Amino acid sequence: MSKVVARAPMVLAAALLSLAVTACGPQHTGETYSRGDMQRGGPVLAGRIIAVDDVPISGTGSGIGTVGGGVAGATLGSALAHGRTGSILAGVGGAIIGAIAGNAVEQGITRGQGTRFVVQLDNGQVINVVQTNEANLQTGDRVTVLEGGGKTRLARESGPPPPDPRP
């Protein structure tokens, strides 16, 4: 019993570190830019949203949750076992179970809802963009379409609408 109590702080620290690292996954929103997006230019287009619908966003499997869960599971398993062989077997079993659980946690944390916008550009072309909808964009809204760094984003258009190009 004293072995378990002595290792409890280490087990708790490993579990908390695993969860903290998994929770620090990137947030992909329409209004959040990464460092890699800095100083990258691209075309700016204008258009009107003609359709909006919610879409599920699948979770990511970057490996952070798997590794963190495996480390926490191995630490916990070996801390609770008795004897050298038991400690090794429990550590391996804990690592496997922890890795599976850590992957599931990461998938769950990074899963979410997005919005698919269908936009008719002023040049007549129709495109779709999937992003989050912090700006509460709706059908009929004028938007600026920002392209750059391999990404396309929508932002509410500011200023007066452009003149109608049709006669």
N, C-alpha and C. Protein backbone atom coordinates (compact mmCIF):
# COMPACT_ATOMS: atom_id res chain seq x y z
N MET A 1 0.82 -1.21 0.00
CA MET A 1 0.00 0.00 0.00
C MET A 1 0.86 1.25 0.00
N SER A 2 1.99 1.23 0.68
CA SER A 2 2.83 2.42 0.74
C SER A 2 3.43 2.76 -0.62
N LYS A 3 3.64 1.73 -1.49
CA LYS A 3 4.17 1.97 -2.83
C LYS A 3 3.19 2.81 -3.65
N VAL A 4 1.91 2.50 -3.53
CA VAL A 4 0.88 3.24 -4.26
C VAL A 4 0.81 4.67 -3.76
N VAL A 5 0.82 4.85 -2.46
CA VAL A 5 0.74 6.18 -1.87
C VAL A 5 1.97 7.00 -2.25
N ALA A 6 3.14 6.39 -2.26
CA ALA A 6 4.37 7.10 -2.60
C ALA A 6 4.37 7.57 -4.05
N ARG A 7 3.75 6.78 -4.94
CA ARG A 7 3.74 7.14 -6.36
C ARG A 7 2.51 7.96 -6.77
N ALA A 8 1.61 8.19 -5.87
CA ALA A 8 0.37 8.90 -6.20
C ALA A 8 0.62 10.28 -6.80
N PRO A 9 1.54 11.10 -6.24
CA PRO A 9 1.77 12.41 -6.85
C PRO A 9 2.29 12.30 -8.29
N MET A 10 3.16 11.31 -8.55
CA MET A 10 3.70 11.13 -9.89
C MET A 10 2.60 10.70 -10.86
N VAL A 11 1.74 9.80 -10.44
CA VAL A 11 0.64 9.32 -11.28
C VAL A 11 -0.33 10.47 -11.57
N LEU A 12 -0.66 11.23 -10.55
CA LEU A 12 -1.57 12.36 -10.73
C LEU A 12 -0.96 13.40 -11.67
N ALA A 13 0.32 13.68 -11.52
CA ALA A 13 0.98 14.65 -12.40
C ALA A 13 0.98 14.18 -13.85
N ALA A 14 1.24 12.90 -14.07
CA ALA A 14 1.24 12.36 -15.43
C ALA A 14 -0.15 12.43 -16.05
N ALA A 15 -1.17 12.11 -15.28
CA ALA A 15 -2.54 12.16 -15.80
C ALA A 15 -2.95 13.59 -16.12
N LEU A 16 -2.64 14.52 -15.23
CA LEU A 16 -2.98 15.92 -15.48
C LEU A 16 -2.22 16.49 -16.68
N LEU A 17 -0.95 16.13 -16.81
CA LEU A 17 -0.16 16.59 -17.95
C LEU A 17 -0.74 16.06 -19.25
N SER A 18 -1.15 14.81 -19.24
CA SER A 18 -1.74 14.20 -20.44
C SER A 18 -3.01 14.94 -20.85
N LEU A 19 -3.89 15.21 -19.91
CA LEU A 19 -5.13 15.91 -20.22
C LEU A 19 -4.87 17.36 -20.64
N ALA A 20 -3.92 18.02 -19.99
CA ALA A 20 -3.61 19.41 -20.33
C ALA A 20 -3.06 19.52 -21.74
N VAL A 21 -2.17 18.62 -22.12
CA VAL A 21 -1.59 18.66 -23.46
C VAL A 21 -2.67 18.39 -24.50
N THR A 22 -3.55 17.44 -24.25
CA THR A 22 -4.62 17.14 -25.19
C THR A 22 -5.57 18.32 -25.33
N ALA A 23 -5.87 18.99 -24.25
CA ALA A 23 -6.80 20.12 -24.30
C ALA A 23 -6.22 21.33 -25.00
N CYS A 24 -4.92 21.35 -25.21
CA CYS A 24 -4.28 22.50 -25.86
C CYS A 24 -4.27 22.38 -27.37
N GLY A 25 -5.13 21.56 -27.92
CA GLY A 25 -5.19 21.41 -29.37
C GLY A 25 -5.54 22.73 -30.03
N PRO A 26 -5.18 22.86 -31.31
CA PRO A 26 -5.44 24.12 -32.00
C PRO A 26 -6.92 24.39 -32.17
N GLN A 27 -7.29 25.63 -32.11
CA GLN A 27 -8.66 26.05 -32.33
C GLN A 27 -8.74 26.63 -33.74
N HIS A 28 -9.52 26.00 -34.61
CA HIS A 28 -9.66 26.48 -35.98
C HIS A 28 -10.98 27.20 -36.10
N THR A 29 -10.91 28.51 -36.15
CA THR A 29 -12.12 29.29 -36.30
C THR A 29 -11.95 30.21 -37.49
N GLY A 30 -13.05 30.79 -37.92
CA GLY A 30 -12.98 31.72 -39.03
C GLY A 30 -12.27 33.01 -38.70
N GLU A 31 -12.12 33.29 -37.43
CA GLU A 31 -11.52 34.57 -37.02
C GLU A 31 -10.20 34.43 -36.29
N THR A 32 -9.68 33.21 -36.19
CA THR A 32 -8.41 32.98 -35.51
C THR A 32 -7.36 32.60 -36.53
N TYR A 33 -6.23 33.27 -36.49
CA TYR A 33 -5.14 33.01 -37.42
C TYR A 33 -3.97 32.38 -36.69
N SER A 34 -3.24 31.51 -37.37
CA SER A 34 -2.04 30.92 -36.79
C SER A 34 -0.83 31.78 -37.14
N ARG A 35 0.29 31.52 -36.50
CA ARG A 35 1.51 32.26 -36.81
C ARG A 35 1.90 32.08 -38.28
N GLY A 36 1.66 30.89 -38.81
CA GLY A 36 2.00 30.62 -40.21
C GLY A 36 1.17 31.43 -41.20
N ASP A 37 0.03 31.96 -40.75
CA ASP A 37 -0.82 32.78 -41.62
C ASP A 37 -0.32 34.22 -41.71
N MET A 38 0.58 34.59 -40.84
CA MET A 38 1.07 35.97 -40.82
C MET A 38 1.83 36.28 -42.10
N GLN A 39 1.65 37.46 -42.62
CA GLN A 39 2.36 37.99 -43.77
C GLN A 39 2.19 37.15 -45.02
N ARG A 40 1.04 36.50 -45.16
CA ARG A 40 0.72 35.76 -46.37
C ARG A 40 -0.45 36.45 -47.04
N GLY A 41 -0.22 36.91 -48.23
CA GLY A 41 -1.28 37.60 -48.95
C GLY A 41 -2.09 36.64 -49.79
N GLY A 42 -3.16 37.16 -50.32
CA GLY A 42 -4.02 36.37 -51.19
C GLY A 42 -5.12 37.23 -51.75
N PRO A 43 -5.85 36.69 -52.71
CA PRO A 43 -6.95 37.46 -53.31
C PRO A 43 -8.04 37.79 -52.30
N VAL A 44 -8.68 38.92 -52.51
CA VAL A 44 -9.84 39.32 -51.72
C VAL A 44 -11.00 39.48 -52.70
N LEU A 45 -12.06 38.72 -52.47
CA LEU A 45 -13.23 38.74 -53.33
C LEU A 45 -14.43 39.20 -52.53
N ALA A 46 -15.51 39.50 -53.20
CA ALA A 46 -16.73 39.91 -52.51
C ALA A 46 -17.89 39.09 -53.07
N GLY A 47 -18.89 38.88 -52.21
CA GLY A 47 -20.06 38.13 -52.65
C GLY A 47 -21.17 38.19 -51.62
N ARG A 48 -22.19 37.38 -51.89
CA ARG A 48 -23.36 37.32 -51.01
C ARG A 48 -23.61 35.86 -50.66
N ILE A 49 -23.91 35.61 -49.38
CA ILE A 49 -24.22 34.26 -48.93
C ILE A 49 -25.59 33.87 -49.47
N ILE A 50 -25.65 32.71 -50.16
CA ILE A 50 -26.93 32.26 -50.70
C ILE A 50 -27.47 31.03 -49.98
N ALA A 51 -26.65 30.38 -49.16
CA ALA A 51 -27.13 29.24 -48.37
C ALA A 51 -26.19 29.04 -47.17
N VAL A 52 -26.77 28.58 -46.07
CA VAL A 52 -26.03 28.32 -44.84
C VAL A 52 -26.57 27.04 -44.23
N ASP A 53 -25.67 26.12 -43.83
CA ASP A 53 -26.12 24.96 -43.07
C ASP A 53 -25.01 24.47 -42.15
N ASP A 54 -25.43 23.86 -41.04
CA ASP A 54 -24.49 23.34 -40.05
C ASP A 54 -23.93 22.01 -40.53
N VAL A 55 -22.64 21.79 -40.26
CA VAL A 55 -21.99 20.54 -40.63
C VAL A 55 -21.14 20.06 -39.45
N PRO A 56 -21.05 18.74 -39.25
CA PRO A 56 -20.20 18.23 -38.18
C PRO A 56 -18.73 18.29 -38.60
N ILE A 57 -17.87 18.61 -37.65
CA ILE A 57 -16.42 18.63 -37.88
C ILE A 57 -15.84 17.45 -37.10
N SER A 58 -15.16 16.55 -37.80
CA SER A 58 -14.60 15.37 -37.15
C SER A 58 -13.42 15.77 -36.26
N GLY A 59 -13.16 14.96 -35.26
CA GLY A 59 -12.04 15.21 -34.36
C GLY A 59 -10.72 14.85 -35.02
N THR A 60 -9.64 15.38 -34.47
CA THR A 60 -8.31 15.09 -34.99
C THR A 60 -7.65 13.98 -34.20
N GLY A 61 -6.73 13.31 -34.84
CA GLY A 61 -5.93 12.28 -34.20
C GLY A 61 -4.47 12.60 -34.39
N SER A 62 -4.00 13.66 -33.77
CA SER A 62 -2.62 14.12 -33.95
C SER A 62 -1.61 13.21 -33.27
N GLY A 63 -2.07 12.38 -32.35
CA GLY A 63 -1.17 11.52 -31.59
C GLY A 63 -0.87 12.04 -30.21
N ILE A 64 -1.17 13.31 -29.96
CA ILE A 64 -0.89 13.89 -28.65
C ILE A 64 -1.70 13.18 -27.57
N GLY A 65 -2.99 12.95 -27.84
CA GLY A 65 -3.83 12.25 -26.85
C GLY A 65 -3.38 10.81 -26.66
N THR A 66 -2.99 10.14 -27.74
CA THR A 66 -2.55 8.75 -27.67
C THR A 66 -1.29 8.64 -26.82
N VAL A 67 -0.31 9.48 -27.10
CA VAL A 67 0.95 9.44 -26.36
C VAL A 67 0.73 9.83 -24.90
N GLY A 68 0.01 10.91 -24.67
CA GLY A 68 -0.25 11.35 -23.29
C GLY A 68 -1.00 10.31 -22.49
N GLY A 69 -2.04 9.72 -23.12
CA GLY A 69 -2.80 8.67 -22.43
C GLY A 69 -1.95 7.44 -22.17
N GLY A 70 -1.09 7.09 -23.12
CA GLY A 70 -0.20 5.94 -22.94
C GLY A 70 0.77 6.14 -21.79
N VAL A 71 1.35 7.33 -21.71
CA VAL A 71 2.28 7.63 -20.61
C VAL A 71 1.56 7.58 -19.27
N ALA A 72 0.39 8.22 -19.21
CA ALA A 72 -0.37 8.22 -17.96
C ALA A 72 -0.79 6.80 -17.58
N GLY A 73 -1.26 6.02 -18.56
CA GLY A 73 -1.68 4.65 -18.28
C GLY A 73 -0.53 3.77 -17.82
N ALA A 74 0.63 3.91 -18.46
CA ALA A 74 1.80 3.12 -18.06
C ALA A 74 2.24 3.48 -16.65
N THR A 75 2.25 4.76 -16.35
CA THR A 75 2.65 5.22 -15.02
C THR A 75 1.69 4.70 -13.96
N LEU A 76 0.40 4.84 -14.24
CA LEU A 76 -0.61 4.39 -13.28
C LEU A 76 -0.56 2.87 -13.12
N GLY A 77 -0.47 2.15 -14.24
CA GLY A 77 -0.43 0.69 -14.16
C GLY A 77 0.75 0.17 -13.37
N SER A 78 1.93 0.68 -13.64
CA SER A 78 3.11 0.20 -12.93
C SER A 78 3.11 0.64 -11.47
N ALA A 79 2.48 1.77 -11.17
CA ALA A 79 2.42 2.24 -9.78
C ALA A 79 1.49 1.38 -8.94
N LEU A 80 0.46 0.83 -9.55
CA LEU A 80 -0.51 0.04 -8.79
C LEU A 80 -0.15 -1.43 -8.66
N ALA A 81 0.80 -1.90 -9.47
CA ALA A 81 1.16 -3.32 -9.47
C ALA A 81 2.19 -3.63 -8.39
N HIS A 82 2.32 -4.93 -8.12
CA HIS A 82 3.30 -5.39 -7.12
C HIS A 82 4.32 -6.27 -7.80
N GLY A 83 5.57 -6.14 -7.42
CA GLY A 83 6.64 -6.96 -7.98
C GLY A 83 7.10 -6.45 -9.34
N ARG A 84 8.30 -6.89 -9.72
CA ARG A 84 8.89 -6.40 -10.97
C ARG A 84 8.09 -6.85 -12.19
N THR A 85 7.77 -8.14 -12.29
CA THR A 85 7.02 -8.65 -13.44
C THR A 85 5.63 -8.05 -13.49
N GLY A 86 4.96 -8.01 -12.36
CA GLY A 86 3.62 -7.43 -12.31
C GLY A 86 3.64 -5.97 -12.69
N SER A 87 4.65 -5.24 -12.25
CA SER A 87 4.77 -3.82 -12.56
C SER A 87 4.97 -3.61 -14.06
N ILE A 88 5.79 -4.46 -14.69
CA ILE A 88 6.03 -4.34 -16.14
C ILE A 88 4.76 -4.66 -16.92
N LEU A 89 4.11 -5.77 -16.56
CA LEU A 89 2.88 -6.16 -17.26
C LEU A 89 1.78 -5.11 -17.08
N ALA A 90 1.62 -4.63 -15.87
CA ALA A 90 0.60 -3.61 -15.60
C ALA A 90 0.95 -2.31 -16.33
N GLY A 91 2.21 -1.98 -16.43
CA GLY A 91 2.63 -0.79 -17.16
C GLY A 91 2.32 -0.89 -18.64
N VAL A 92 2.59 -2.07 -19.23
CA VAL A 92 2.29 -2.27 -20.66
C VAL A 92 0.78 -2.24 -20.88
N GLY A 93 0.04 -2.94 -20.04
CA GLY A 93 -1.43 -2.93 -20.16
C GLY A 93 -2.00 -1.54 -19.96
N GLY A 94 -1.47 -0.82 -18.98
CA GLY A 94 -1.92 0.54 -18.72
C GLY A 94 -1.61 1.46 -19.89
N ALA A 95 -0.44 1.25 -20.52
CA ALA A 95 -0.07 2.07 -21.67
C ALA A 95 -1.04 1.85 -22.83
N ILE A 96 -1.40 0.61 -23.08
CA ILE A 96 -2.33 0.30 -24.18
C ILE A 96 -3.70 0.91 -23.91
N ILE A 97 -4.21 0.65 -22.72
CA ILE A 97 -5.53 1.18 -22.37
C ILE A 97 -5.50 2.71 -22.33
N GLY A 98 -4.44 3.28 -21.77
CA GLY A 98 -4.31 4.74 -21.71
C GLY A 98 -4.21 5.36 -23.09
N ALA A 99 -3.48 4.71 -24.02
CA ALA A 99 -3.35 5.23 -25.38
C ALA A 99 -4.70 5.25 -26.08
N ILE A 100 -5.46 4.18 -25.91
CA ILE A 100 -6.80 4.13 -26.52
C ILE A 100 -7.70 5.21 -25.93
N ALA A 101 -7.66 5.33 -24.61
CA ALA A 101 -8.48 6.35 -23.95
C ALA A 101 -8.02 7.77 -24.33
N GLY A 102 -6.72 7.98 -24.38
CA GLY A 102 -6.19 9.31 -24.74
C GLY A 102 -6.57 9.71 -26.15
N ASN A 103 -6.55 8.76 -27.08
CA ASN A 103 -6.97 9.04 -28.45
C ASN A 103 -8.45 9.42 -28.48
N ALA A 104 -9.27 8.68 -27.73
CA ALA A 104 -10.70 8.97 -27.68
C ALA A 104 -10.96 10.36 -27.08
N VAL A 105 -10.21 10.72 -26.06
CA VAL A 105 -10.35 12.05 -25.44
C VAL A 105 -9.99 13.13 -26.45
N GLU A 106 -8.87 12.95 -27.17
CA GLU A 106 -8.47 13.95 -28.16
C GLU A 106 -9.52 14.09 -29.26
N GLN A 107 -10.04 12.95 -29.74
CA GLN A 107 -11.08 13.00 -30.77
C GLN A 107 -12.30 13.78 -30.27
N GLY A 108 -12.69 13.51 -29.03
CA GLY A 108 -13.86 14.18 -28.45
C GLY A 108 -13.66 15.67 -28.25
N ILE A 109 -12.47 16.05 -27.81
CA ILE A 109 -12.19 17.46 -27.54
C ILE A 109 -12.14 18.27 -28.83
N THR A 110 -11.61 17.67 -29.90
CA THR A 110 -11.43 18.42 -31.15
C THR A 110 -12.61 18.29 -32.11
N ARG A 111 -13.59 17.50 -31.77
CA ARG A 111 -14.79 17.36 -32.61
C ARG A 111 -15.69 18.56 -32.36
N GLY A 112 -16.47 18.95 -33.35
CA GLY A 112 -17.35 20.09 -33.13
C GLY A 112 -18.33 20.32 -34.26
N GLN A 113 -18.86 21.52 -34.29
CA GLN A 113 -19.82 21.93 -35.32
C GLN A 113 -19.20 23.06 -36.12
N GLY A 114 -19.43 23.03 -37.41
CA GLY A 114 -19.01 24.11 -38.29
C GLY A 114 -20.21 24.56 -39.10
N THR A 115 -19.99 25.54 -39.92
CA THR A 115 -21.04 26.06 -40.79
C THR A 115 -20.52 26.07 -42.22
N ARG A 116 -21.33 25.53 -43.14
CA ARG A 116 -20.99 25.58 -44.56
C ARG A 116 -21.75 26.76 -45.17
N PHE A 117 -21.00 27.66 -45.79
CA PHE A 117 -21.57 28.81 -46.45
C PHE A 117 -21.43 28.63 -47.96
N VAL A 118 -22.51 28.82 -48.67
CA VAL A 118 -22.45 28.85 -50.13
C VAL A 118 -22.55 30.33 -50.51
N VAL A 119 -21.54 30.79 -51.25
CA VAL A 119 -21.42 32.22 -51.57
C VAL A 119 -21.42 32.41 -53.08
N GLN A 120 -22.26 33.32 -53.54
CA GLN A 120 -22.19 33.72 -54.94
C GLN A 120 -21.34 34.98 -55.00
N LEU A 121 -20.20 34.83 -55.66
CA LEU A 121 -19.28 35.96 -55.80
C LEU A 121 -19.86 36.99 -56.76
N ASP A 122 -19.38 38.18 -56.67
CA ASP A 122 -19.86 39.26 -57.54
C ASP A 122 -19.59 38.96 -59.02
N ASN A 123 -18.61 38.09 -59.30
CA ASN A 123 -18.32 37.74 -60.69
C ASN A 123 -19.23 36.60 -61.20
N GLY A 124 -20.16 36.14 -60.35
CA GLY A 124 -21.11 35.10 -60.73
C GLY A 124 -20.71 33.70 -60.29
N GLN A 125 -19.45 33.48 -59.97
CA GLN A 125 -18.98 32.17 -59.52
C GLN A 125 -19.59 31.84 -58.16
N VAL A 126 -19.89 30.55 -57.94
CA VAL A 126 -20.43 30.10 -56.66
C VAL A 126 -19.38 29.22 -55.99
N ILE A 127 -19.08 29.52 -54.71
CA ILE A 127 -18.11 28.75 -53.94
C ILE A 127 -18.74 28.34 -52.62
N ASN A 128 -18.09 27.40 -51.92
CA ASN A 128 -18.52 27.07 -50.56
C ASN A 128 -17.31 27.14 -49.64
N VAL A 129 -17.56 27.56 -48.41
CA VAL A 129 -16.53 27.68 -47.39
C VAL A 129 -17.09 27.10 -46.10
N VAL A 130 -16.31 26.24 -45.44
CA VAL A 130 -16.71 25.70 -44.14
C VAL A 130 -15.81 26.33 -43.08
N GLN A 131 -16.44 26.92 -42.08
CA GLN A 131 -15.72 27.53 -40.96
C GLN A 131 -16.69 27.64 -39.79
N THR A 132 -16.20 28.12 -38.66
CA THR A 132 -17.11 28.41 -37.56
C THR A 132 -17.80 29.74 -37.85
N ASN A 133 -18.85 30.04 -37.10
CA ASN A 133 -19.65 31.21 -37.43
C ASN A 133 -19.76 32.19 -36.26
N GLU A 134 -18.60 32.66 -35.77
CA GLU A 134 -18.61 33.64 -34.67
C GLU A 134 -19.28 34.94 -35.06
N ALA A 135 -19.21 35.29 -36.34
CA ALA A 135 -19.77 36.56 -36.80
C ALA A 135 -21.28 36.48 -37.05
N ASN A 136 -21.87 35.30 -36.83
CA ASN A 136 -23.30 35.09 -37.03
C ASN A 136 -23.75 35.48 -38.44
N LEU A 137 -22.99 35.04 -39.43
CA LEU A 137 -23.32 35.31 -40.82
C LEU A 137 -24.56 34.53 -41.21
N GLN A 138 -25.40 35.12 -42.07
CA GLN A 138 -26.66 34.49 -42.47
C GLN A 138 -26.87 34.66 -43.96
N THR A 139 -27.82 33.88 -44.48
CA THR A 139 -28.18 33.98 -45.88
C THR A 139 -28.54 35.43 -46.20
N GLY A 140 -28.01 35.94 -47.31
CA GLY A 140 -28.26 37.31 -47.73
C GLY A 140 -27.19 38.29 -47.33
N ASP A 141 -26.34 37.92 -46.36
CA ASP A 141 -25.28 38.84 -45.91
C ASP A 141 -24.21 39.00 -46.98
N ARG A 142 -23.70 40.22 -47.11
CA ARG A 142 -22.56 40.49 -47.97
C ARG A 142 -21.30 40.09 -47.20
N VAL A 143 -20.38 39.41 -47.90
CA VAL A 143 -19.15 38.95 -47.25
C VAL A 143 -17.94 39.26 -48.12
N THR A 144 -16.81 39.35 -47.43
CA THR A 144 -15.52 39.42 -48.09
C THR A 144 -14.92 38.03 -48.00
N VAL A 145 -14.44 37.52 -49.11
CA VAL A 145 -13.83 36.19 -49.16
C VAL A 145 -12.31 36.40 -49.18
N LEU A 146 -11.64 35.91 -48.16
CA LEU A 146 -10.21 36.09 -48.00
C LEU A 146 -9.50 34.78 -48.29
N GLU A 147 -8.61 34.77 -49.25
CA GLU A 147 -7.86 33.57 -49.60
C GLU A 147 -6.40 33.82 -49.30
N GLY A 148 -5.75 32.80 -48.76
CA GLY A 148 -4.32 32.90 -48.49
C GLY A 148 -3.83 31.75 -47.65
N GLY A 149 -2.61 31.31 -47.90
CA GLY A 149 -2.03 30.22 -47.12
C GLY A 149 -2.79 28.92 -47.28
N GLY A 150 -3.45 28.73 -48.41
CA GLY A 150 -4.19 27.50 -48.63
C GLY A 150 -5.54 27.46 -47.92
N LYS A 151 -5.97 28.59 -47.38
CA LYS A 151 -7.24 28.65 -46.66
C LYS A 151 -8.14 29.71 -47.27
N THR A 152 -9.42 29.52 -47.12
CA THR A 152 -10.40 30.52 -47.54
C THR A 152 -11.27 30.83 -46.34
N ARG A 153 -11.47 32.10 -46.06
CA ARG A 153 -12.26 32.54 -44.91
C ARG A 153 -13.28 33.57 -45.37
N LEU A 154 -14.34 33.65 -44.61
CA LEU A 154 -15.36 34.67 -44.85
C LEU A 154 -15.35 35.67 -43.71
N ALA A 155 -15.55 36.92 -44.05
CA ALA A 155 -15.71 37.98 -43.05
C ALA A 155 -16.85 38.87 -43.52
N ARG A 156 -17.56 39.42 -42.56
CA ARG A 156 -18.64 40.34 -42.91
C ARG A 156 -18.05 41.51 -43.69
N GLU A 157 -18.70 41.85 -44.79
CA GLU A 157 -18.20 42.94 -45.63
C GLU A 157 -18.40 44.26 -44.91
N SER A 158 -17.39 45.11 -44.98
CA SER A 158 -17.52 46.44 -44.39
C SER A 158 -17.58 47.45 -45.52
N GLY A 159 -18.30 48.51 -45.30
CA GLY A 159 -18.45 49.54 -46.32
C GLY A 159 -19.63 49.26 -47.22
N PRO A 160 -19.87 50.16 -48.15
CA PRO A 160 -21.03 50.01 -49.02
C PRO A 160 -20.83 48.86 -50.02
N PRO A 161 -21.91 48.23 -50.47
CA PRO A 161 -21.77 47.15 -51.45
C PRO A 161 -21.28 47.71 -52.79
N PRO A 162 -20.58 46.85 -53.54
CA PRO A 162 -20.10 47.33 -54.84
C PRO A 162 -21.26 47.52 -55.81
N PRO A 163 -21.06 48.30 -56.85
CA PRO A 163 -22.14 48.49 -57.82
C PRO A 163 -22.47 47.17 -58.52
N ASP A 164 -23.71 47.01 -58.92
CA ASP A 164 -24.14 45.81 -59.62
C ASP A 164 -23.48 45.79 -61.00
N PRO A 165 -22.71 44.71 -61.32
CA PRO A 165 -22.00 44.67 -62.60
C PRO A 165 -22.92 44.40 -63.78
N ARG A 166 -24.15 43.98 -63.54
CA ARG A 166 -25.08 43.68 -64.62
C ARG A 166 -25.79 44.96 -65.09
N PRO A 167 -26.01 45.05 -66.40
CA PRO A 167 -26.67 46.27 -66.90
C PRO A 167 -28.12 46.36 -66.51
